[in-house]
Amino acid sequence: MRAGVTKMEERRARQILSSKAITEVTFQGTKVWIDSISEDGATATVHLRGPGEERTQVSIADLEELE
């Protein structure tokens, strides 16, 4: 794992989603916004930060928080 990067857990993903603060989250090295989290807490719907609104469902374990 790269320095300054933390693998995401469901609890932290929910905290980020409900927070008004901007938190740097990446999926496969690309910055994303978390839009929602599945009921079972295994996946999140995300979209790219910046231009483009395409949403995709990904495993929360594949998200990383930049510190």
PDB file of N, CA and C in Angstrom:
ATOM      1  N   MET A   1       0.837  -1.177   0.000  1.00  0.00           N
ATOM      2  CA  MET A   1       0.000   0.000   0.000  1.00  0.00           C
ATOM      3  C   MET A   1       0.885   1.244   0.000  1.00  0.00           C
ATOM      4  N   ARG A   2       0.472   2.240  -0.747  1.00  0.00           N
ATOM      5  CA  ARG A   2       1.256   3.467  -0.856  1.00  0.00           C
ATOM      6  C   ARG A   2       1.178   4.278   0.439  1.00  0.00           C
ATOM      7  N   ALA A   3       2.236   5.017   0.755  1.00  0.00           N
ATOM      8  CA  ALA A   3       2.240   5.879   1.933  1.00  0.00           C
ATOM      9  C   ALA A   3       1.176   6.954   1.782  1.00  0.00           C
ATOM     10  N   GLY A   4       0.491   7.251   2.879  1.00  0.00           N
ATOM     11  CA  GLY A   4      -0.527   8.290   2.856  1.00  0.00           C
ATOM     12  C   GLY A   4      -1.854   7.853   2.262  1.00  0.00           C
ATOM     13  N   VAL A   5      -2.040   6.533   2.066  1.00  0.00           N
ATOM     14  CA  VAL A   5      -3.275   6.004   1.484  1.00  0.00           C
ATOM     15  C   VAL A   5      -3.832   4.952   2.434  1.00  0.00           C
ATOM     16  N   THR A   6      -5.129   5.039   2.716  1.00  0.00           N
ATOM     17  CA  THR A   6      -5.792   4.088   3.596  1.00  0.00           C
ATOM     18  C   THR A   6      -6.911   3.391   2.847  1.00  0.00           C
ATOM     19  N   LYS A   7      -6.949   2.049   2.911  1.00  0.00           N
ATOM     20  CA  LYS A   7      -8.049   1.290   2.314  1.00  0.00           C
ATOM     21  C   LYS A   7      -9.340   1.648   3.045  1.00  0.00           C
ATOM     22  N   MET A   8     -10.423   1.734   2.305  1.00  0.00           N
ATOM     23  CA  MET A   8     -11.708   2.151   2.851  1.00  0.00           C
ATOM     24  C   MET A   8     -12.419   0.995   3.551  1.00  0.00           C
ATOM     25  N   GLU A   9     -13.124   1.333   4.629  1.00  0.00           N
ATOM     26  CA  GLU A   9     -14.020   0.412   5.318  1.00  0.00           C
ATOM     27  C   GLU A   9     -15.408   1.029   5.292  1.00  0.00           C
ATOM     28  N   GLU A  10     -16.443   0.204   5.456  1.00  0.00           N
ATOM     29  CA  GLU A  10     -17.822   0.695   5.370  1.00  0.00           C
ATOM     30  C   GLU A  10     -18.075   1.860   6.325  1.00  0.00           C
ATOM     31  N   ARG A  11     -17.652   1.728   7.566  1.00  0.00           N
ATOM     32  CA  ARG A  11     -17.906   2.790   8.553  1.00  0.00           C
ATOM     33  C   ARG A  11     -17.332   4.126   8.096  1.00  0.00           C
ATOM     34  N   ARG A  12     -16.106   4.098   7.607  1.00  0.00           N
ATOM     35  CA  ARG A  12     -15.460   5.340   7.162  1.00  0.00           C
ATOM     36  C   ARG A  12     -16.145   5.887   5.915  1.00  0.00           C
ATOM     37  N   ALA A  13     -16.551   5.024   5.004  1.00  0.00           N
ATOM     38  CA  ALA A  13     -17.255   5.477   3.801  1.00  0.00           C
ATOM     39  C   ALA A  13     -18.547   6.192   4.185  1.00  0.00           C
ATOM     40  N   ARG A  14     -19.273   5.656   5.166  1.00  0.00           N
ATOM     41  CA  ARG A  14     -20.516   6.296   5.625  1.00  0.00           C
ATOM     42  C   ARG A  14     -20.225   7.647   6.277  1.00  0.00           C
ATOM     43  N   GLN A  15     -19.128   7.746   7.038  1.00  0.00           N
ATOM     44  CA  GLN A  15     -18.740   9.019   7.648  1.00  0.00           C
ATOM     45  C   GLN A  15     -18.451  10.060   6.574  1.00  0.00           C
ATOM     46  N   ILE A  16     -17.710   9.669   5.557  1.00  0.00           N
ATOM     47  CA  ILE A  16     -17.370  10.587   4.468  1.00  0.00           C
ATOM     48  C   ILE A  16     -18.633  11.033   3.747  1.00  0.00           C
ATOM     49  N   LEU A  17     -19.526  10.103   3.466  1.00  0.00           N
ATOM     50  CA  LEU A  17     -20.762  10.413   2.752  1.00  0.00           C
ATOM     51  C   LEU A  17     -21.612  11.413   3.526  1.00  0.00           C
ATOM     52  N   SER A  18     -21.668  11.297   4.843  1.00  0.00           N
ATOM     53  CA  SER A  18     -22.522  12.183   5.640  1.00  0.00           C
ATOM     54  C   SER A  18     -21.837  13.493   6.033  1.00  0.00           C
ATOM     55  N   SER A  19     -20.538  13.603   5.818  1.00  0.00           N
ATOM     56  CA  SER A  19     -19.780  14.795   6.198  1.00  0.00           C
ATOM     57  C   SER A  19     -19.910  15.909   5.160  1.00  0.00           C
ATOM     58  N   LYS A  20     -19.826  17.143   5.648  1.00  0.00           N
ATOM     59  CA  LYS A  20     -19.816  18.297   4.742  1.00  0.00           C
ATOM     60  C   LYS A  20     -18.392  18.617   4.278  1.00  0.00           C
ATOM     61  N   ALA A  21     -17.414  18.023   4.944  1.00  0.00           N
ATOM     62  CA  ALA A  21     -16.014  18.250   4.576  1.00  0.00           C
ATOM     63  C   ALA A  21     -15.685  17.503   3.287  1.00  0.00           C
ATOM     64  N   ILE A  22     -14.736  18.039   2.549  1.00  0.00           N
ATOM     65  CA  ILE A  22     -14.268  17.370   1.332  1.00  0.00           C
ATOM     66  C   ILE A  22     -13.145  16.416   1.720  1.00  0.00           C
ATOM     67  N   THR A  23     -13.325  15.156   1.396  1.00  0.00           N
ATOM     68  CA  THR A  23     -12.335  14.124   1.695  1.00  0.00           C
ATOM     69  C   THR A  23     -11.850  13.537   0.382  1.00  0.00           C
ATOM     70  N   GLU A  24     -10.543  13.421   0.245  1.00  0.00           N
ATOM     71  CA  GLU A  24      -9.954  12.877  -0.976  1.00  0.00           C
ATOM     72  C   GLU A  24     -10.110  11.360  -0.997  1.00  0.00           C
ATOM     73  N   VAL A  25     -10.947  10.867  -1.907  1.00  0.00           N
ATOM     74  CA  VAL A  25     -11.176   9.435  -2.073  1.00  0.00           C
ATOM     75  C   VAL A  25     -10.827   9.069  -3.508  1.00  0.00           C
ATOM     76  N   THR A  26     -10.147   7.929  -3.683  1.00  0.00           N
ATOM     77  CA  THR A  26      -9.801   7.482  -5.033  1.00  0.00           C
ATOM     78  C   THR A  26     -10.305   6.065  -5.278  1.00  0.00           C
ATOM     79  N   PHE A  27     -10.535   5.787  -6.559  1.00  0.00           N
ATOM     80  CA  PHE A  27     -10.842   4.440  -7.036  1.00  0.00           C
ATOM     81  C   PHE A  27      -9.905   4.185  -8.206  1.00  0.00           C
ATOM     82  N   GLN A  28      -9.056   3.198  -8.077  1.00  0.00           N
ATOM     83  CA  GLN A  28      -8.053   2.872  -9.093  1.00  0.00           C
ATOM     84  C   GLN A  28      -7.228   4.103  -9.472  1.00  0.00           C
ATOM     85  N   GLY A  29      -6.868   4.903  -8.465  1.00  0.00           N
ATOM     86  CA  GLY A  29      -6.017   6.063  -8.664  1.00  0.00           C
ATOM     87  C   GLY A  29      -6.715   7.313  -9.155  1.00  0.00           C
ATOM     88  N   THR A  30      -8.028   7.264  -9.377  1.00  0.00           N
ATOM     89  CA  THR A  30      -8.789   8.411  -9.870  1.00  0.00           C
ATOM     90  C   THR A  30      -9.662   8.957  -8.748  1.00  0.00           C
ATOM     91  N   LYS A  31      -9.649  10.281  -8.553  1.00  0.00           N
ATOM     92  CA  LYS A  31     -10.459  10.896  -7.503  1.00  0.00           C
ATOM     93  C   LYS A  31     -11.940  10.762  -7.828  1.00  0.00           C
ATOM     94  N   VAL A  32     -12.713  10.353  -6.807  1.00  0.00           N
ATOM     95  CA  VAL A  32     -14.152  10.148  -6.975  1.00  0.00           C
ATOM     96  C   VAL A  32     -14.913  10.757  -5.800  1.00  0.00           C
ATOM     97  N   TRP A  33     -16.217  10.978  -6.034  1.00  0.00           N
ATOM     98  CA  TRP A  33     -17.170  11.334  -4.984  1.00  0.00           C
ATOM     99  C   TRP A  33     -17.964  10.081  -4.670  1.00  0.00           C
ATOM    100  N   ILE A  34     -18.270   9.876  -3.393  1.00  0.00           N
ATOM    101  CA  ILE A  34     -19.161   8.784  -3.000  1.00  0.00           C
ATOM    102  C   ILE A  34     -20.585   9.329  -3.039  1.00  0.00           C
ATOM    103  N   ASP A  35     -21.453   8.698  -3.835  1.00  0.00           N
ATOM    104  CA  ASP A  35     -22.845   9.130  -3.964  1.00  0.00           C
ATOM    105  C   ASP A  35     -23.771   8.390  -3.014  1.00  0.00           C
ATOM    106  N   SER A  36     -23.538   7.103  -2.838  1.00  0.00           N
ATOM    107  CA  SER A  36     -24.390   6.298  -1.959  1.00  0.00           C
ATOM    108  C   SER A  36     -23.664   5.009  -1.605  1.00  0.00           C
ATOM    109  N   ILE A  37     -24.196   4.346  -0.581  1.00  0.00           N
ATOM    110  CA  ILE A  37     -23.640   3.078  -0.127  1.00  0.00           C
ATOM    111  C   ILE A  37     -24.772   2.063  -0.098  1.00  0.00           C
ATOM    112  N   SER A  38     -24.501   0.865  -0.568  1.00  0.00           N
ATOM    113  CA  SER A  38     -25.529  -0.181  -0.609  1.00  0.00           C
ATOM    114  C   SER A  38     -25.980  -0.547   0.805  1.00  0.00           C
ATOM    115  N   GLU A  39     -27.174  -1.116   0.901  1.00  0.00           N
ATOM    116  CA  GLU A  39     -27.713  -1.513   2.204  1.00  0.00           C
ATOM    117  C   GLU A  39     -26.815  -2.505   2.925  1.00  0.00           C
ATOM    118  N   ASP A  40     -26.186  -3.397   2.177  1.00  0.00           N
ATOM    119  CA  ASP A  40     -25.323  -4.394   2.820  1.00  0.00           C
ATOM    120  C   ASP A  40     -23.935  -3.854   3.151  1.00  0.00           C
ATOM    121  N   GLY A  41     -23.639  -2.621   2.718  1.00  0.00           N
ATOM    122  CA  GLY A  41     -22.372  -1.984   3.039  1.00  0.00           C
ATOM    123  C   GLY A  41     -21.179  -2.503   2.269  1.00  0.00           C
ATOM    124  N   ALA A  42     -21.405  -3.313   1.258  1.00  0.00           N
ATOM    125  CA  ALA A  42     -20.295  -3.897   0.502  1.00  0.00           C
ATOM    126  C   ALA A  42     -19.866  -3.041  -0.676  1.00  0.00           C
ATOM    127  N   THR A  43     -20.802  -2.273  -1.248  1.00  0.00           N
ATOM    128  CA  THR A  43     -20.489  -1.482  -2.436  1.00  0.00           C
ATOM    129  C   THR A  43     -20.938  -0.039  -2.263  1.00  0.00           C
ATOM    130  N   ALA A  44     -20.348   0.824  -3.084  1.00  0.00           N
ATOM    131  CA  ALA A  44     -20.713   2.238  -3.107  1.00  0.00           C
ATOM    132  C   ALA A  44     -20.905   2.663  -4.558  1.00  0.00           C
ATOM    133  N   THR A  45     -21.817   3.591  -4.765  1.00  0.00           N
ATOM    134  CA  THR A  45     -21.961   4.217  -6.070  1.00  0.00           C
ATOM    135  C   THR A  45     -21.118   5.478  -6.032  1.00  0.00           C
ATOM    136  N   VAL A  46     -20.230   5.636  -7.019  1.00  0.00           N
ATOM    137  CA  VAL A  46     -19.317   6.775  -7.064  1.00  0.00           C
ATOM    138  C   VAL A  46     -19.361   7.415  -8.445  1.00  0.00           C
ATOM    139  N   HIS A  47     -18.882   8.670  -8.514  1.00  0.00           N
ATOM    140  CA  HIS A  47     -18.670   9.293  -9.817  1.00  0.00           C
ATOM    141  C   HIS A  47     -17.374  10.092  -9.762  1.00  0.00           C
ATOM    142  N   LEU A  48     -16.786  10.297 -10.927  1.00  0.00           N
ATOM    143  CA  LEU A  48     -15.519  11.017 -11.031  1.00  0.00           C
ATOM    144  C   LEU A  48     -15.667  12.440 -10.543  1.00  0.00           C
ATOM    145  N   ARG A  49     -14.631  12.934  -9.887  1.00  0.00           N
ATOM    146  CA  ARG A  49     -14.598  14.350  -9.527  1.00  0.00           C
ATOM    147  C   ARG A  49     -14.209  15.107 -10.780  1.00  0.00           C
ATOM    148  N   GLY A  50     -14.884  16.196 -11.040  1.00  0.00           N
ATOM    149  CA  GLY A  50     -14.603  16.974 -12.239  1.00  0.00           C
ATOM    150  C   GLY A  50     -15.616  16.673 -13.310  1.00  0.00           C
ATOM    151  N   PRO A  51     -15.269  16.942 -14.560  1.00  0.00           N
ATOM    152  CA  PRO A  51     -16.230  16.746 -15.648  1.00  0.00           C
ATOM    153  C   PRO A  51     -16.632  15.278 -15.780  1.00  0.00           C
ATOM    154  N   GLY A  52     -17.864  15.091 -16.158  1.00  0.00           N
ATOM    155  CA  GLY A  52     -18.363  13.723 -16.324  1.00  0.00           C
ATOM    156  C   GLY A  52     -19.168  13.289 -15.125  1.00  0.00           C
ATOM    157  N   GLU A  53     -20.350  12.835 -15.378  1.00  0.00           N
ATOM    158  CA  GLU A  53     -21.233  12.452 -14.288  1.00  0.00           C
ATOM    159  C   GLU A  53     -21.532  10.959 -14.290  1.00  0.00           C
ATOM    160  N   GLU A  54     -20.782  10.168 -15.039  1.00  0.00           N
ATOM    161  CA  GLU A  54     -21.042   8.736 -15.095  1.00  0.00           C
ATOM    162  C   GLU A  54     -20.840   8.117 -13.719  1.00  0.00           C
ATOM    163  N   ARG A  55     -21.839   7.399 -13.271  1.00  0.00           N
ATOM    164  CA  ARG A  55     -21.770   6.745 -11.974  1.00  0.00           C
ATOM    165  C   ARG A  55     -21.505   5.257 -12.163  1.00  0.00           C
ATOM    166  N   THR A  56     -20.783   4.692 -11.208  1.00  0.00           N
ATOM    167  CA  THR A  56     -20.486   3.268 -11.259  1.00  0.00           C
ATOM    168  C   THR A  56     -20.523   2.703  -9.849  1.00  0.00           C
ATOM    169  N   GLN A  57     -20.842   1.438  -9.736  1.00  0.00           N
ATOM    170  CA  GLN A  57     -20.885   0.773  -8.441  1.00  0.00           C
ATOM    171  C   GLN A  57     -19.583   0.005  -8.258  1.00  0.00           C
ATOM    172  N   VAL A  58     -18.936   0.235  -7.104  1.00  0.00           N
ATOM    173  CA  VAL A  58     -17.636  -0.382  -6.832  1.00  0.00           C
ATOM    174  C   VAL A  58     -17.629  -0.972  -5.425  1.00  0.00           C
ATOM    175  N   SER A  59     -16.726  -1.881  -5.193  1.00  0.00           N
ATOM    176  CA  SER A  59     -16.543  -2.430  -3.854  1.00  0.00           C
ATOM    177  C   SER A  59     -15.944  -1.354  -2.955  1.00  0.00           C
ATOM    178  N   ILE A  60     -16.476  -1.207  -1.756  1.00  0.00           N
ATOM    179  CA  ILE A  60     -15.921  -0.226  -0.820  1.00  0.00           C
ATOM    180  C   ILE A  60     -14.462  -0.550  -0.524  1.00  0.00           C
ATOM    181  N   ALA A  61     -14.109  -1.822  -0.501  1.00  0.00           N
ATOM    182  CA  ALA A  61     -12.724  -2.227  -0.241  1.00  0.00           C
ATOM    183  C   ALA A  61     -11.768  -1.733  -1.319  1.00  0.00           C
ATOM    184  N   ASP A  62     -12.278  -1.376  -2.500  1.00  0.00           N
ATOM    185  CA  ASP A  62     -11.439  -0.873  -3.589  1.00  0.00           C
ATOM    186  C   ASP A  62     -11.266   0.641  -3.549  1.00  0.00           C
ATOM    187  N   LEU A  63     -11.951   1.308  -2.621  1.00  0.00           N
ATOM    188  CA  LEU A  63     -11.787   2.753  -2.462  1.00  0.00           C
ATOM    189  C   LEU A  63     -10.628   3.019  -1.511  1.00  0.00           C
ATOM    190  N   GLU A  64      -9.943   4.131  -1.731  1.00  0.00           N
ATOM    191  CA  GLU A  64      -8.835   4.526  -0.863  1.00  0.00           C
ATOM    192  C   GLU A  64      -9.019   5.977  -0.458  1.00  0.00           C
ATOM    193  N   GLU A  65      -8.647   6.268   0.787  1.00  0.00           N
ATOM    194  CA  GLU A  65      -8.690   7.639   1.295  1.00  0.00           C
ATOM    195  C   GLU A  65      -7.270   8.186   1.324  1.00  0.00           C
ATOM    196  N   LEU A  66      -7.072   9.349   0.708  1.00  0.00           N
ATOM    197  CA  LEU A  66      -5.764   9.996   0.733  1.00  0.00           C
ATOM    198  C   LEU A  66      -5.636  10.763   2.038  1.00  0.00           C
ATOM    199  N   GLU A  67      -4.513  10.612   2.700  1.00  0.00           N
ATOM    200  CA  GLU A  67      -4.307  11.281   3.990  1.00  0.00           C
ATOM    201  C   GLU A  67      -3.473  12.520   3.834  1.00  0.00           C
TER     202      GLU A  67
END
